[in-house]
Amino acid sequence: MAEETKKTAAPEAAEEVAAVVSDVPVAEKEVPPQPEPEKAAEEGEKEKEKDEEAAEEEKVAESASFKEESNKVDDLVDPEKKALDEFKLLIQEALNNHDFTAPPPAKKEEEPETETKPKDEEEPKTEEKKEEELKIESCDAPLAETPAAVEKKVEEVKIESCDAPPAETPAVEEAKIESSEAVEEIKETIVHEVTPPCAPAAEEEAPPPPTPEEVSIWGVPLLADERSDVILLKFLRARDFKVKEAFSMLKSVVAWRKEFKIESLLEEEESAIVEGLEKVVFLHGVDKEGHPICYNAFGAFQDKELYNNTFGDAEKRGKFLRWYILLLEKNIRKFDFSPDSICTIVQITDLKNLPGLILFKKDFRQATNEALQLLQDNYPEFVAKQVFINVPWWYVAYNRLISPFLTQRTKSKFVFAGPTKTAETLFKYIAPEHVPVQYGGLSKDGEAEFTTADSATEETIKPAGKHTVELPVTEACTLVWEVRVVGWEVCYGAEFVPSAEGGYTWVVQKSRKIGPGDEQVVGCSFKIGETGKVVLTFDNQTSKKKKLLYRFKTKPSE
């Protein structure tokens, strides 16, 4: 991906990174030897300048944020439009010349050292040279030496030989025969060797130009329509609109896809490649802008059997990469690549329960680095944002290890969130109904009363205070609702208050304190025969504000 802006992070992530930097081991905090008095002031000034530069870089990193660009050609600035047009011309020329499918040029064999060749090998060349000279001379010969003239001479020789007196000696006859054979030989030489180049050749029609080859990527032919423009813009942006570099990348991607056999890979089943990885990498819901969301839960590799089956040796790591590419390809094929549509994804990387040493294992690091390199080289601009959640204190060190494999444009899409800020960070980009329950949301797998189509409401419960939510009931019905407080440690209860005066209040759910390890989402279904309202009460006795999520709907009574 192209180098653009520097890596950004959420404000909370910046605070955590600062805390991490301060928590270095004691061995790294050893007091350095005191400098000499005359050098102390100079070193102090240098350290001050470094601190000012670091502070300036931090300000830049915090102020810079990645914003996804438009895929409409009309929205491009003039230099970008010009680059796109030049890119298309290069592609069209390559298609006309079949450069995309042409085999790589063969390596030139080293020429042997010059050696003294025997005379037998030189003679044929001399004869060839003489023969060429003969051809040239024959072409320049006067008109009398044309085939017609030669035939006339042959006839005259024959007539003379027929009119010769019979008293001629045998030697004369042999001379005549030899002269006749010589004439025939000259005739054949002229006819076969002189006639083709000297005779006026008929005008031959030029062969028709070859039909341009057809090349498709992710199901979209190159230079087909506006969908092709969307794909070409990905390559241009990945190379900062440097046309030649983008074209080189495109050719490399086409060659890699052929070598990797992507089309045949799409026919394979994911489970047939590696079993058990569906709980490590999976797609779930969309963000607030409509991008599909891909979750990477590396904590699942605590299972030693799964880890060994995935990274045990080079063959298994290769299967893991094939499985990952297959998953990615299948989901990319769901994009229609129209200029107004979404054609990027959001990556969520969960580092919860991930042992610190696993990221420093050679086999895991090799597979991770290779996967990152494949994605950067062959899937340009397919990630709109990369969010790291449940980030442990030691992850900054690992992030420094993989940073050399990433471009600045890629790192500018990064967002980091520690365990206490995970749900809050996700809710900035994803609606609660699309966030899985294990990450603080309301979305559950399998059959459920609510789906992602049922939007949720977010509210804040103040510290050391009570908060109520009223759900209106306008007719006899069955009211269904579900609530969640992120982190809980809150007392929750529900009751029904009728509209009629003097009506009795019904306790629907008795007030009780719910801890963080208890139920993630609390739901209820209550059949009501009169109008009124259901009042939900939340009592927060902690000193921290809480995030409240709830949604409800009514169903006709049976």
Protein backbone atom coordinates (compact mmCIF):
# COMPACT_ATOMS: atom_id res chain seq x y z
CA MET A 1 0.00 0.00 0.00
CA ALA A 2 1.15 3.55 -0.68
CA GLU A 3 2.98 5.65 1.85
CA GLU A 4 0.82 8.59 2.91
CA THR A 5 0.09 9.57 6.50
CA LYS A 6 1.53 8.38 9.75
CA LYS A 7 -0.09 5.83 12.04
CA THR A 8 -2.99 7.18 14.09
CA ALA A 9 -4.63 5.84 17.17
CA ALA A 10 -7.64 6.68 19.28
CA PRO A 11 -6.95 9.11 22.15
CA GLU A 12 -7.35 6.28 24.59
CA ALA A 13 -4.81 4.20 22.68
CA ALA A 14 -2.34 7.05 22.78
CA GLU A 15 -2.62 7.17 26.57
CA GLU A 16 -2.08 3.40 26.79
CA VAL A 17 0.97 3.53 24.54
CA ALA A 18 2.42 6.25 26.72
CA ALA A 19 1.83 4.06 29.76
CA VAL A 20 3.48 1.12 28.03
CA VAL A 21 6.58 3.08 27.19
CA SER A 22 6.97 4.03 30.84
CA ASP A 23 6.63 0.43 32.00
CA VAL A 24 9.90 -0.82 30.56
CA PRO A 25 11.83 -3.45 32.54
CA VAL A 26 14.25 -2.32 35.21
CA ALA A 27 17.19 -3.54 33.14
CA GLU A 28 16.30 -0.98 30.51
CA LYS A 29 16.06 1.79 33.11
CA GLU A 30 19.58 1.50 34.45
CA VAL A 31 21.13 4.89 35.17
CA PRO A 32 23.72 5.66 32.50
CA PRO A 33 27.18 6.82 33.53
CA GLN A 34 27.29 10.51 34.33
CA PRO A 35 28.81 12.61 31.53
CA GLU A 36 31.73 14.87 32.10
CA PRO A 37 30.84 18.39 33.37
CA GLU A 38 31.83 20.11 30.14
CA LYS A 39 29.57 17.74 28.11
CA ALA A 40 26.57 17.77 30.44
CA ALA A 41 25.07 20.99 29.09
CA GLU A 42 25.54 19.93 25.47
CA GLU A 43 23.90 16.53 26.03
CA GLY A 44 21.05 18.20 27.92
CA GLU A 45 20.34 20.43 24.94
CA LYS A 46 20.38 17.42 22.58
CA GLU A 47 17.93 15.49 24.77
CA LYS A 48 15.68 18.53 24.90
CA GLU A 49 15.67 18.76 21.10
CA LYS A 50 14.87 15.04 20.81
CA ASP A 51 11.96 15.42 23.25
CA GLU A 52 10.62 18.36 21.25
CA GLU A 53 10.88 16.35 18.01
CA ALA A 54 9.13 13.35 19.61
CA ALA A 55 6.36 15.63 20.91
CA GLU A 56 5.97 17.14 17.43
CA GLU A 57 5.77 13.67 15.82
CA GLU A 58 3.16 12.63 18.36
CA LYS A 59 1.09 15.70 17.51
CA VAL A 60 1.30 14.84 13.82
CA ALA A 61 0.31 11.23 14.49
CA GLU A 62 -2.66 12.32 16.55
CA SER A 63 -3.80 14.95 14.07
CA ALA A 64 -3.45 12.70 11.03
CA SER A 65 -6.38 10.42 10.36
CA PHE A 66 -7.14 8.22 7.39
CA LYS A 67 -10.23 9.06 5.40
CA GLU A 68 -11.42 6.75 2.67
CA GLU A 69 -11.41 8.43 -0.73
CA SER A 70 -14.20 8.47 -3.29
CA ASN A 71 -14.17 5.95 -6.14
CA LYS A 72 -15.99 8.27 -8.55
CA VAL A 73 -13.82 9.50 -11.40
CA ASP A 74 -15.57 12.89 -11.35
CA ASP A 75 -14.43 13.40 -7.75
CA LEU A 76 -10.75 12.97 -8.61
CA VAL A 77 -8.46 15.97 -8.92
CA ASP A 78 -6.87 16.65 -12.31
CA PRO A 79 -3.49 14.97 -11.60
CA GLU A 80 -5.29 11.83 -10.44
CA LYS A 81 -7.51 11.79 -13.54
CA LYS A 82 -4.45 12.17 -15.72
CA ALA A 83 -2.71 9.31 -13.90
CA LEU A 84 -5.77 7.10 -14.38
CA ASP A 85 -5.84 7.83 -18.12
CA GLU A 86 -2.13 7.04 -18.46
CA PHE A 87 -2.64 3.85 -16.47
CA LYS A 88 -5.38 2.75 -18.85
CA LEU A 89 -3.18 3.39 -21.89
CA LEU A 90 -0.41 1.21 -20.46
CA ILE A 91 -2.90 -1.55 -19.68
CA GLN A 92 -4.46 -1.40 -23.16
CA GLU A 93 -1.05 -1.63 -24.79
CA ALA A 94 -0.17 -4.61 -22.57
CA LEU A 95 -3.46 -6.32 -23.45
CA ASN A 96 -2.83 -5.78 -27.17
CA ASN A 97 0.64 -7.29 -26.85
CA HIS A 98 -0.50 -10.12 -24.59
CA ASP A 99 2.02 -9.01 -21.97
CA PHE A 100 -0.06 -10.24 -19.03
CA THR A 101 -0.11 -13.87 -20.15
CA ALA A 102 3.23 -13.91 -21.95
CA PRO A 103 5.73 -16.32 -20.41
CA PRO A 104 8.68 -14.73 -18.64
CA PRO A 105 11.69 -14.09 -20.91
CA ALA A 106 14.10 -17.00 -21.06
CA LYS A 107 17.48 -16.52 -19.51
CA LYS A 108 20.24 -15.98 -22.05
CA GLU A 109 22.78 -18.72 -22.10
CA GLU A 110 26.33 -17.66 -21.52
CA GLU A 111 28.29 -17.49 -24.74
CA PRO A 112 31.24 -19.88 -24.78
CA GLU A 113 34.70 -18.45 -24.95
CA THR A 114 36.00 -17.91 -28.48
CA GLU A 115 38.20 -20.75 -29.59
CA THR A 116 40.23 -21.34 -32.72
CA LYS A 117 37.96 -23.31 -35.01
CA PRO A 118 39.30 -25.84 -37.51
CA LYS A 119 39.30 -25.03 -41.15
CA ASP A 120 36.53 -27.57 -41.80
CA GLU A 121 34.11 -25.38 -39.80
CA GLU A 122 35.13 -22.21 -41.60
CA GLU A 123 34.71 -23.57 -45.12
CA PRO A 124 30.90 -23.77 -45.10
CA LYS A 125 30.73 -20.09 -44.08
CA THR A 126 33.04 -19.24 -46.99
CA GLU A 127 30.82 -21.16 -49.37
CA GLU A 128 27.73 -19.44 -47.97
CA LYS A 129 29.40 -16.08 -48.45
CA LYS A 130 30.28 -16.93 -52.05
CA GLU A 131 26.75 -18.12 -52.68
CA GLU A 132 25.34 -14.83 -51.35
CA GLU A 133 27.72 -12.90 -53.59
CA LEU A 134 26.58 -14.98 -56.53
CA LYS A 135 22.95 -14.16 -55.73
CA ILE A 136 23.70 -10.45 -55.54
CA GLU A 137 25.62 -10.54 -58.81
CA SER A 138 22.86 -12.51 -60.49
CA CYS A 139 20.33 -9.88 -59.43
CA ASP A 140 22.54 -7.17 -60.91
CA ALA A 141 23.18 -9.12 -64.12
CA PRO A 142 22.21 -7.49 -67.47
CA LEU A 143 18.96 -8.33 -69.21
CA ALA A 144 20.70 -10.85 -71.49
CA GLU A 145 21.16 -13.13 -68.52
CA THR A 146 17.47 -13.48 -67.82
CA PRO A 147 15.89 -16.95 -67.91
CA ALA A 148 14.43 -16.29 -71.34
CA ALA A 149 17.85 -15.48 -72.73
CA VAL A 150 19.34 -18.52 -71.08
CA GLU A 151 16.65 -20.74 -72.62
CA LYS A 152 17.43 -19.21 -76.02
CA LYS A 153 21.11 -20.00 -75.55
CA VAL A 154 20.25 -23.55 -74.59
CA GLU A 155 18.19 -23.96 -77.76
CA GLU A 156 21.02 -22.54 -79.87
CA VAL A 157 23.45 -24.96 -78.23
CA LYS A 158 21.11 -27.83 -79.00
CA ILE A 159 20.64 -26.73 -82.61
CA GLU A 160 24.37 -26.36 -83.09
CA SER A 161 24.94 -29.79 -81.57
CA CYS A 162 22.34 -31.26 -83.95
CA ASP A 163 23.87 -29.54 -87.05
CA ALA A 164 27.39 -30.62 -86.17
CA PRO A 165 28.95 -33.05 -88.71
CA PRO A 166 29.03 -36.67 -87.56
CA ALA A 167 32.77 -36.75 -88.05
CA GLU A 168 33.38 -34.94 -84.78
CA THR A 169 35.59 -36.76 -82.36
CA PRO A 170 34.27 -38.20 -79.07
CA ALA A 171 36.16 -35.52 -77.15
CA VAL A 172 34.17 -32.80 -78.90
CA GLU A 173 30.92 -34.58 -78.10
CA GLU A 174 31.87 -34.84 -74.45
CA ALA A 175 32.70 -31.12 -74.44
CA LYS A 176 29.27 -30.35 -75.90
CA ILE A 177 27.55 -32.52 -73.32
CA GLU A 178 29.48 -30.83 -70.54
CA SER A 179 28.62 -27.41 -71.94
CA SER A 180 24.93 -28.41 -72.13
CA GLU A 181 24.97 -29.64 -68.53
CA ALA A 182 26.65 -26.43 -67.44
CA VAL A 183 23.93 -24.38 -69.14
CA GLU A 184 21.21 -26.43 -67.46
CA GLU A 185 22.95 -25.97 -64.11
CA ILE A 186 23.16 -22.21 -64.68
CA LYS A 187 19.49 -22.18 -65.68
CA GLU A 188 18.42 -23.98 -62.53
CA THR A 189 20.54 -21.67 -60.38
CA ILE A 190 18.99 -18.60 -61.95
CA VAL A 191 15.46 -19.94 -61.79
CA HIS A 192 15.63 -21.09 -58.15
CA GLU A 193 17.91 -18.51 -56.64
CA VAL A 194 17.64 -15.39 -58.76
CA THR A 195 14.04 -15.29 -59.83
CA PRO A 196 12.31 -14.91 -56.37
CA PRO A 197 14.18 -11.79 -55.21
CA CYS A 198 14.45 -10.17 -58.66
CA ALA A 199 10.97 -10.92 -59.98
CA PRO A 200 8.25 -8.41 -58.97
CA ALA A 201 6.52 -9.98 -55.93
CA ALA A 202 2.78 -9.79 -55.57
CA GLU A 203 1.60 -7.47 -52.82
CA GLU A 204 0.77 -9.59 -49.75
CA GLU A 205 -1.90 -8.47 -47.32
CA ALA A 206 -0.58 -7.65 -43.82
CA PRO A 207 -1.75 -10.17 -41.22
CA PRO A 208 -4.54 -8.86 -38.96
CA PRO A 209 -3.38 -7.66 -35.53
CA PRO A 210 -3.86 -10.20 -32.70
CA THR A 211 -7.02 -9.91 -30.64
CA PRO A 212 -6.35 -8.21 -27.27
CA GLU A 213 -6.22 -10.67 -24.41
CA GLU A 214 -8.82 -10.62 -21.65
CA VAL A 215 -7.64 -10.32 -18.05
CA SER A 216 -9.96 -10.22 -15.04
CA ILE A 217 -9.28 -9.60 -11.36
CA TRP A 218 -11.86 -10.44 -8.69
CA GLY A 219 -14.37 -11.20 -11.42
CA VAL A 220 -14.04 -7.79 -13.13
CA PRO A 221 -12.34 -7.52 -16.58
CA LEU A 222 -9.69 -4.83 -16.91
CA LEU A 223 -10.84 -1.77 -18.88
CA ALA A 224 -14.41 -3.05 -19.04
CA ASP A 225 -16.44 -0.26 -17.42
CA GLU A 226 -16.60 1.97 -14.34
CA ARG A 227 -16.09 -1.07 -12.11
CA SER A 228 -12.66 -1.45 -13.68
CA ASP A 229 -11.89 2.16 -12.72
CA VAL A 230 -12.59 1.32 -9.08
CA ILE A 231 -10.07 -1.52 -9.17
CA LEU A 232 -7.46 0.52 -11.04
CA LEU A 233 -7.79 3.31 -8.46
CA LYS A 234 -6.87 0.80 -5.77
CA PHE A 235 -3.56 0.11 -7.49
CA LEU A 236 -2.89 3.80 -8.11
CA ARG A 237 -3.58 4.74 -4.50
CA ALA A 238 -1.44 1.89 -3.26
CA ARG A 239 1.46 3.41 -5.22
CA ASP A 240 0.64 7.07 -4.56
CA PHE A 241 -0.58 7.57 -8.16
CA LYS A 242 2.80 6.71 -9.63
CA VAL A 243 1.61 5.17 -12.88
CA LYS A 244 4.58 3.00 -13.76
CA GLU A 245 4.80 1.58 -10.24
CA ALA A 246 1.05 0.89 -10.22
CA PHE A 247 1.33 -0.86 -13.61
CA SER A 248 4.23 -2.97 -12.35
CA MET A 249 2.17 -3.92 -9.30
CA LEU A 250 -0.82 -4.86 -11.47
CA LYS A 251 1.30 -7.16 -13.65
CA SER A 252 2.79 -8.72 -10.53
CA VAL A 253 -0.66 -9.35 -9.04
CA VAL A 254 -1.92 -10.98 -12.26
CA ALA A 255 1.15 -13.23 -12.34
CA TRP A 256 0.80 -14.11 -8.63
CA ARG A 257 -2.88 -15.00 -8.99
CA LYS A 258 -2.01 -17.33 -11.86
CA GLU A 259 0.84 -18.89 -9.91
CA PHE A 260 -1.28 -19.24 -6.74
CA LYS A 261 -4.13 -20.75 -8.84
CA ILE A 262 -6.79 -18.51 -7.35
CA GLU A 263 -9.58 -19.70 -9.65
CA SER A 264 -9.11 -23.35 -8.72
CA LEU A 265 -8.71 -22.37 -5.05
CA LEU A 266 -12.20 -20.86 -5.08
CA GLU A 267 -13.64 -24.28 -5.81
CA GLU A 268 -12.22 -25.75 -2.59
CA GLU A 269 -14.04 -25.92 0.73
CA GLU A 270 -12.59 -23.89 3.59
CA SER A 271 -12.92 -26.73 6.07
CA ALA A 272 -11.10 -29.07 3.68
CA ILE A 273 -7.95 -26.93 3.98
CA VAL A 274 -7.69 -26.31 7.73
CA GLU A 275 -10.24 -27.35 10.36
CA GLY A 276 -11.02 -25.23 13.40
CA LEU A 277 -9.96 -21.85 12.02
CA GLU A 278 -13.55 -20.64 11.68
CA LYS A 279 -13.40 -19.50 15.33
CA VAL A 280 -10.13 -17.64 14.70
CA VAL A 281 -11.10 -15.61 11.61
CA PHE A 282 -14.76 -14.88 10.81
CA LEU A 283 -16.98 -12.19 9.31
CA HIS A 284 -19.77 -10.70 11.38
CA GLY A 285 -21.95 -7.67 10.64
CA VAL A 286 -21.07 -4.31 9.13
CA ASP A 287 -19.85 -0.99 10.51
CA LYS A 288 -21.80 2.27 10.52
CA GLU A 289 -20.71 2.99 6.93
CA GLY A 290 -21.62 -0.46 5.64
CA HIS A 291 -18.15 -2.08 5.50
CA PRO A 292 -18.14 -5.82 6.20
CA ILE A 293 -16.26 -6.62 9.41
CA CYS A 294 -13.67 -9.39 9.69
CA TYR A 295 -12.68 -10.51 13.21
CA ASN A 296 -9.33 -12.10 14.00
CA ALA A 297 -9.42 -13.77 17.42
CA PHE A 298 -5.84 -14.92 17.99
CA GLY A 299 -6.63 -15.95 21.56
CA ALA A 300 -8.05 -19.17 20.11
CA PHE A 301 -4.47 -20.30 19.54
CA GLN A 302 -4.25 -21.09 23.24
CA ASP A 303 -5.50 -24.44 22.03
CA LYS A 304 -2.16 -26.18 21.46
CA GLU A 305 -3.64 -28.72 19.06
CA LEU A 306 -5.10 -25.95 16.89
CA TYR A 307 -1.81 -24.04 17.04
CA ASN A 308 0.24 -27.08 15.98
CA ASN A 309 -2.21 -27.94 13.21
CA THR A 310 -1.89 -24.40 11.88
CA PHE A 311 1.77 -23.47 12.33
CA GLY A 312 3.49 -26.79 13.08
CA ASP A 313 5.62 -26.84 9.92
CA ALA A 314 6.05 -25.11 6.57
CA GLU A 315 3.36 -27.22 4.89
CA LYS A 316 0.80 -26.36 7.59
CA ARG A 317 1.66 -22.68 7.42
CA GLY A 318 1.17 -22.86 3.66
CA LYS A 319 -2.30 -24.36 4.18
CA PHE A 320 -3.12 -21.59 6.64
CA LEU A 321 -2.23 -18.98 4.02
CA ARG A 322 -4.33 -20.77 1.39
CA TRP A 323 -7.27 -20.88 3.80
CA TYR A 324 -6.90 -17.18 4.61
CA ILE A 325 -6.65 -16.19 0.95
CA LEU A 326 -9.71 -18.35 0.13
CA LEU A 327 -11.76 -16.64 2.86
CA LEU A 328 -10.65 -13.23 1.62
CA GLU A 329 -11.33 -14.01 -2.04
CA LYS A 330 -14.84 -15.31 -1.39
CA ASN A 331 -15.79 -12.16 0.47
CA ILE A 332 -14.19 -9.83 -2.07
CA ARG A 333 -16.25 -11.51 -4.80
CA LYS A 334 -19.35 -10.24 -2.98
CA PHE A 335 -18.42 -6.64 -3.84
CA ASP A 336 -19.94 -5.26 -7.04
CA PHE A 337 -17.17 -2.61 -7.37
CA SER A 338 -19.53 0.13 -8.54
CA PRO A 339 -18.27 3.65 -7.70
CA ASP A 340 -21.05 4.23 -5.17
CA SER A 341 -20.71 0.88 -3.41
CA ILE A 342 -18.56 -0.36 -0.53
CA CYS A 343 -15.55 -2.37 -1.66
CA THR A 344 -13.37 -2.40 1.47
CA ILE A 345 -13.57 -4.18 4.83
CA VAL A 346 -12.85 -3.35 8.47
CA GLN A 347 -10.43 -5.65 10.30
CA ILE A 348 -10.88 -6.24 14.04
CA THR A 349 -7.91 -8.00 15.67
CA ASP A 350 -8.68 -9.33 19.14
CA LEU A 351 -5.60 -9.93 21.31
CA LYS A 352 -7.50 -11.14 24.37
CA ASN A 353 -6.08 -14.23 26.10
CA LEU A 354 -3.18 -14.24 23.68
CA PRO A 355 -0.04 -15.53 25.43
CA GLY A 356 2.75 -13.00 25.19
CA LEU A 357 5.30 -15.49 23.92
CA ILE A 358 3.20 -16.74 21.02
CA LEU A 359 3.85 -13.63 18.93
CA PHE A 360 7.58 -14.13 19.33
CA LYS A 361 7.55 -17.72 18.17
CA LYS A 362 9.37 -18.11 14.88
CA ASP A 363 6.71 -20.19 13.11
CA PHE A 364 3.85 -17.86 14.07
CA ARG A 365 5.86 -14.77 13.16
CA GLN A 366 6.79 -16.23 9.76
CA ALA A 367 3.17 -17.00 8.92
CA THR A 368 2.02 -13.56 10.11
CA ASN A 369 4.69 -11.67 8.19
CA GLU A 370 4.06 -13.68 5.03
CA ALA A 371 0.31 -13.07 5.29
CA LEU A 372 0.88 -9.33 5.77
CA GLN A 373 3.21 -9.23 2.78
CA LEU A 374 0.74 -11.12 0.58
CA LEU A 375 -2.06 -8.77 1.55
CA GLN A 376 0.01 -5.66 0.88
CA ASP A 377 1.37 -6.89 -2.45
CA ASN A 378 -1.76 -8.47 -3.92
CA TYR A 379 -4.80 -6.90 -2.24
CA PRO A 380 -4.26 -3.13 -2.42
CA GLU A 381 -6.61 -0.82 -0.55
CA PHE A 382 -9.06 -3.47 0.65
CA VAL A 383 -8.86 -2.52 4.35
CA ALA A 384 -10.68 0.66 5.37
CA LYS A 385 -9.63 0.44 9.02
CA GLN A 386 -7.65 -1.90 11.26
CA VAL A 387 -8.78 -1.90 14.91
CA PHE A 388 -6.77 -3.74 17.57
CA ILE A 389 -8.78 -4.50 20.72
CA ASN A 390 -7.88 -5.95 24.13
CA VAL A 391 -4.34 -4.79 23.47
CA PRO A 392 -1.96 -6.04 26.22
CA TRP A 393 0.90 -3.98 27.57
CA TRP A 394 3.56 -5.91 25.66
CA TYR A 395 1.93 -5.55 22.22
CA VAL A 396 3.75 -2.32 21.43
CA ALA A 397 7.02 -4.28 21.29
CA TYR A 398 5.53 -6.78 18.82
CA ASN A 399 4.02 -3.98 16.75
CA ARG A 400 7.51 -2.58 16.33
CA LEU A 401 8.62 -5.94 14.94
CA ILE A 402 5.98 -6.02 12.22
CA SER A 403 6.09 -2.29 11.42
CA PRO A 404 8.87 -2.69 8.81
CA PHE A 405 6.46 -4.90 6.81
CA LEU A 406 3.81 -2.17 6.71
CA THR A 407 3.56 1.07 4.74
CA GLN A 408 2.76 4.39 6.36
CA ARG A 409 -0.61 4.43 4.60
CA THR A 410 -1.44 1.06 6.17
CA LYS A 411 -0.35 2.13 9.64
CA SER A 412 -2.42 5.31 9.34
CA LYS A 413 -5.53 3.10 9.44
CA PHE A 414 -4.58 1.52 12.78
CA VAL A 415 -6.60 2.05 15.97
CA PHE A 416 -5.54 0.56 19.33
CA ALA A 417 -7.75 -0.06 22.37
CA GLY A 418 -6.91 -1.66 25.70
CA PRO A 419 -9.23 -4.12 27.52
CA THR A 420 -11.14 -1.36 29.36
CA LYS A 421 -11.73 0.64 26.17
CA THR A 422 -12.57 -2.17 23.75
CA ALA A 423 -16.38 -1.87 23.68
CA GLU A 424 -16.30 1.91 23.72
CA THR A 425 -13.86 1.97 20.80
CA LEU A 426 -15.90 -0.50 18.76
CA PHE A 427 -19.08 1.51 19.28
CA LYS A 428 -17.38 4.49 17.62
CA TYR A 429 -17.32 2.58 14.35
CA ILE A 430 -19.92 -0.19 14.73
CA ALA A 431 -23.53 -0.04 15.94
CA PRO A 432 -24.15 -2.19 19.09
CA GLU A 433 -26.57 -4.49 17.25
CA HIS A 434 -23.71 -5.50 14.94
CA VAL A 435 -21.10 -6.01 17.66
CA PRO A 436 -20.86 -9.63 18.90
CA VAL A 437 -21.84 -10.18 22.54
CA GLN A 438 -18.30 -11.29 23.42
CA TYR A 439 -17.09 -7.80 22.51
CA GLY A 440 -19.74 -5.86 24.44
CA GLY A 441 -22.51 -5.75 21.83
CA LEU A 442 -25.94 -7.33 21.38
CA SER A 443 -25.41 -9.54 18.33
CA LYS A 444 -25.74 -13.27 19.00
CA ASP A 445 -25.28 -16.28 16.74
CA GLY A 446 -28.13 -18.68 16.12
CA GLU A 447 -31.82 -18.11 16.68
CA ALA A 448 -32.62 -14.98 18.68
CA GLU A 449 -35.53 -12.66 19.31
CA PHE A 450 -33.67 -9.71 17.84
CA THR A 451 -31.48 -9.42 14.76
CA THR A 452 -29.09 -6.84 13.38
CA ALA A 453 -32.09 -5.20 11.71
CA ASP A 454 -33.40 -4.22 15.15
CA SER A 455 -31.47 -1.10 16.10
CA ALA A 456 -30.38 -0.48 19.68
CA THR A 457 -30.32 2.69 21.74
CA GLU A 458 -27.20 3.85 23.59
CA GLU A 459 -27.35 5.83 26.83
CA THR A 460 -24.92 6.68 29.61
CA ILE A 461 -25.50 5.86 33.28
CA LYS A 462 -23.87 8.46 35.51
CA PRO A 463 -21.61 7.41 38.39
CA ALA A 464 -23.30 6.85 41.78
CA GLY A 465 -26.78 7.44 40.39
CA LYS A 466 -29.99 5.85 39.15
CA HIS A 467 -31.14 5.74 35.56
CA THR A 468 -34.57 4.77 34.22
CA VAL A 469 -35.86 3.80 30.78
CA GLU A 470 -39.58 3.81 29.90
CA LEU A 471 -40.98 1.46 27.24
CA PRO A 472 -44.49 2.62 26.20
CA VAL A 473 -47.37 0.13 25.79
CA THR A 474 -50.28 1.55 23.72
CA GLU A 475 -52.33 -1.64 23.30
CA ALA A 476 -52.67 -5.17 24.52
CA CYS A 477 -49.62 -6.98 23.27
CA THR A 478 -46.51 -8.92 24.19
CA LEU A 479 -43.58 -6.61 24.91
CA VAL A 480 -40.08 -8.00 24.27
CA TRP A 481 -36.87 -6.22 25.29
CA GLU A 482 -33.24 -6.83 26.03
CA VAL A 483 -30.70 -4.71 27.88
CA ARG A 484 -26.99 -4.68 28.50
CA VAL A 485 -24.67 -2.56 30.60
CA VAL A 486 -21.05 -2.80 29.48
CA GLY A 487 -19.11 -4.08 32.48
CA TRP A 488 -22.31 -4.28 34.53
CA GLU A 489 -21.74 -4.04 38.34
CA VAL A 490 -25.17 -2.40 38.30
CA CYS A 491 -28.49 -3.27 39.97
CA TYR A 492 -31.23 -3.83 37.39
CA GLY A 493 -35.00 -4.28 37.71
CA ALA A 494 -38.21 -3.90 35.63
CA GLU A 495 -41.88 -3.20 36.47
CA PHE A 496 -45.10 -2.45 34.60
CA VAL A 497 -47.04 0.71 35.45
CA PRO A 498 -50.62 0.79 34.04
CA SER A 499 -52.13 3.97 32.60
CA ALA A 500 -55.43 3.61 34.49
CA GLU A 501 -55.64 5.39 37.81
CA GLY A 502 -55.58 3.12 40.78
CA GLY A 503 -54.06 0.30 38.74
CA TYR A 504 -51.57 -2.08 40.29
CA THR A 505 -47.87 -1.95 39.46
CA TRP A 506 -46.47 -5.28 38.38
CA VAL A 507 -42.91 -6.33 39.21
CA VAL A 508 -41.70 -7.89 35.99
CA GLN A 509 -38.04 -8.46 36.92
CA LYS A 510 -36.95 -8.18 40.53
CA SER A 511 -34.06 -5.78 41.11
CA ARG A 512 -30.73 -7.55 41.41
CA LYS A 513 -27.06 -6.74 41.00
CA ILE A 514 -25.44 -8.14 37.89
CA GLY A 515 -21.68 -8.63 37.89
CA PRO A 516 -19.24 -8.52 34.97
CA GLY A 517 -19.03 -12.32 34.84
CA ASP A 518 -22.79 -12.83 34.86
CA GLU A 519 -25.25 -12.60 31.99
CA GLN A 520 -24.02 -10.50 29.09
CA VAL A 521 -27.47 -9.59 27.77
CA VAL A 522 -30.62 -9.65 29.88
CA GLY A 523 -33.89 -10.16 28.00
CA CYS A 524 -37.56 -10.46 28.89
CA SER A 525 -40.93 -11.09 27.26
CA PHE A 526 -44.04 -9.74 29.07
CA LYS A 527 -47.67 -10.19 27.98
CA ILE A 528 -49.74 -7.09 28.75
CA GLY A 529 -53.55 -6.79 28.52
CA GLU A 530 -53.81 -3.01 29.10
CA THR A 531 -52.02 0.18 28.20
CA GLY A 532 -49.24 1.59 30.31
CA LYS A 533 -45.46 1.46 30.36
CA VAL A 534 -42.61 -0.79 31.42
CA VAL A 535 -40.03 1.02 33.52
CA LEU A 536 -36.44 -0.30 33.58
CA THR A 537 -34.33 0.84 36.53
CA PHE A 538 -30.53 0.86 36.71
CA ASP A 539 -28.73 1.70 39.94
CA ASN A 540 -25.04 2.43 39.44
CA GLN A 541 -23.19 2.63 42.76
CA THR A 542 -19.73 2.68 41.22
CA SER A 543 -17.61 5.77 40.60
CA LYS A 544 -17.48 5.10 36.85
CA LYS A 545 -19.98 5.97 34.16
CA LYS A 546 -21.55 3.00 32.37
CA LYS A 547 -22.63 2.40 28.78
CA LEU A 548 -26.26 1.19 28.54
CA LEU A 549 -27.63 -0.62 25.47
CA TYR A 550 -31.28 -1.58 25.02
CA ARG A 551 -33.90 -2.33 22.35
CA PHE A 552 -37.52 -3.49 22.39
CA LYS A 553 -40.45 -4.38 20.15
CA THR A 554 -44.08 -5.41 20.48
CA LYS A 555 -45.79 -8.50 19.15
CA PRO A 556 -49.54 -9.12 18.92
CA SER A 557 -50.90 -11.24 21.75
CA GLU A 558 -51.93 -14.74 20.79
